[in-house]
Amino acid sequence: KTLDKKIFSLIGLATRAGKTVSGEFSTEKAVKSFKAELVIVAEDASDNTKKLFTDKCSFYEVPCYVFGTKEQLGHAIGKEMRASLAVTDTGFAQALCKLLDETQN
């Protein structure tokens, strides 16, 4: 779908701009240190991982979306499979939230 493509290329853009962190440890750290503006967890991440980030993000008031597969997320940021990533830039995060909201409907 074009919307998905847009989202992944925006994630890639944010990554090249140095505005994403990925992997469970770094993502969690970004949330706890108030650097994360948005968290994306892969649809095929473990239920444990999903719960961890849903809870953490609601506590720290960070928008959290479950979107894409580990492979797609990893590919978007030019790495191996990634179950989670955080966007640390407000502009990118807002743009992504807008697109991600469209996928939820």
Protein backbone atom coordinates (compact mmCIF):
# COMPACT_ATOMS: atom_id res chain seq x y z
CA LYS A 1 0.00 0.00 0.00
CA THR A 2 1.13 3.51 -0.75
CA LEU A 3 0.45 4.69 2.79
CA ASP A 4 2.71 1.99 4.23
CA LYS A 5 5.42 2.92 1.74
CA LYS A 6 5.15 6.57 2.79
CA ILE A 7 5.50 5.62 6.43
CA PHE A 8 8.54 3.42 5.87
CA SER A 9 10.28 5.99 3.69
CA LEU A 10 9.60 8.68 6.30
CA ILE A 11 11.13 6.39 8.94
CA GLY A 12 14.11 5.96 6.63
CA LEU A 13 14.39 9.70 6.17
CA ALA A 14 14.28 10.28 9.93
CA THR A 15 16.95 7.62 10.36
CA ARG A 16 19.28 9.24 7.83
CA ALA A 17 18.75 12.50 9.67
CA GLY A 18 19.89 10.72 12.83
CA LYS A 19 16.48 11.07 14.47
CA THR A 20 15.63 7.46 15.27
CA VAL A 21 16.89 4.92 17.76
CA SER A 22 16.06 1.25 17.43
CA GLY A 23 16.19 -1.96 19.37
CA GLU A 24 14.44 -2.65 22.63
CA PHE A 25 17.12 -1.22 24.92
CA SER A 26 17.69 2.05 23.04
CA THR A 27 13.99 2.59 22.43
CA GLU A 28 13.17 2.13 26.09
CA LYS A 29 16.03 4.43 27.08
CA ALA A 30 14.74 7.11 24.70
CA VAL A 31 11.28 6.91 26.24
CA LYS A 32 12.57 7.07 29.81
CA SER A 33 14.85 10.01 29.07
CA PHE A 34 11.99 11.92 27.38
CA LYS A 35 13.79 11.89 24.03
CA ALA A 36 11.23 9.72 22.23
CA GLU A 37 8.46 11.60 20.42
CA LEU A 38 6.97 8.44 18.95
CA VAL A 39 7.47 4.70 19.35
CA ILE A 40 6.71 2.07 16.72
CA VAL A 41 6.57 -1.60 17.66
CA ALA A 42 6.47 -4.34 15.02
CA GLU A 43 3.23 -6.29 14.63
CA ASP A 44 5.20 -9.51 14.94
CA ALA A 45 7.08 -8.44 18.07
CA SER A 46 6.45 -10.61 21.12
CA ASP A 47 3.39 -9.81 23.23
CA ASN A 48 5.83 -9.05 26.01
CA THR A 49 7.58 -6.39 23.94
CA LYS A 50 4.29 -4.87 22.82
CA LYS A 51 3.03 -4.71 26.39
CA LEU A 52 6.30 -3.26 27.65
CA PHE A 53 6.18 -0.38 25.18
CA THR A 54 2.44 0.21 25.37
CA ASP A 55 2.72 0.54 29.15
CA LYS A 56 5.93 2.59 29.13
CA CYS A 57 4.63 4.91 26.46
CA SER A 58 1.31 5.53 28.15
CA PHE A 59 3.14 6.26 31.40
CA TYR A 60 5.56 8.70 29.71
CA GLU A 61 2.81 10.00 27.40
CA VAL A 62 4.56 9.01 24.19
CA PRO A 63 2.41 7.98 21.21
CA CYS A 64 2.94 4.30 20.50
CA TYR A 65 1.89 2.45 17.37
CA VAL A 66 2.04 -1.19 16.40
CA PHE A 67 2.92 -1.14 12.73
CA GLY A 68 4.78 -3.18 10.14
CA THR A 69 6.84 -6.31 10.63
CA LYS A 70 10.26 -6.58 12.26
CA GLU A 71 11.71 -7.08 8.82
CA GLN A 72 9.98 -4.01 7.35
CA LEU A 73 11.04 -1.81 10.26
CA GLY A 74 14.61 -3.05 10.08
CA HIS A 75 14.66 -2.56 6.33
CA ALA A 76 13.29 0.99 6.67
CA ILE A 77 16.22 1.98 8.87
CA GLY A 78 18.77 -0.01 6.91
CA LYS A 79 19.41 -2.58 9.63
CA GLU A 80 18.57 -6.15 10.50
CA MET A 81 15.19 -6.99 11.94
CA ARG A 82 13.98 -4.51 14.54
CA ALA A 83 11.06 -5.10 16.87
CA SER A 84 10.92 -1.49 18.07
CA LEU A 85 12.12 1.97 17.23
CA ALA A 86 11.69 5.47 18.58
CA VAL A 87 11.60 8.73 16.64
CA THR A 88 13.36 11.52 18.53
CA ASP A 89 12.35 14.47 16.37
CA THR A 90 9.03 16.29 16.85
CA GLY A 91 8.53 17.11 13.18
CA PHE A 92 9.12 13.56 11.97
CA ALA A 93 7.03 12.18 14.83
CA GLN A 94 4.06 14.41 14.03
CA ALA A 95 4.18 13.57 10.34
CA LEU A 96 4.40 9.85 11.15
CA CYS A 97 1.57 10.00 13.70
CA LYS A 98 -0.65 11.59 11.07
CA LEU A 99 0.08 8.79 8.59
CA LEU A 100 -0.10 6.05 11.22
CA ASP A 101 -3.50 7.33 12.36
CA GLU A 102 -4.75 6.83 8.80
CA THR A 103 -3.69 3.18 8.90
CA GLN A 104 -5.57 2.58 12.15
CA ASN A 105 -8.95 3.51 10.62
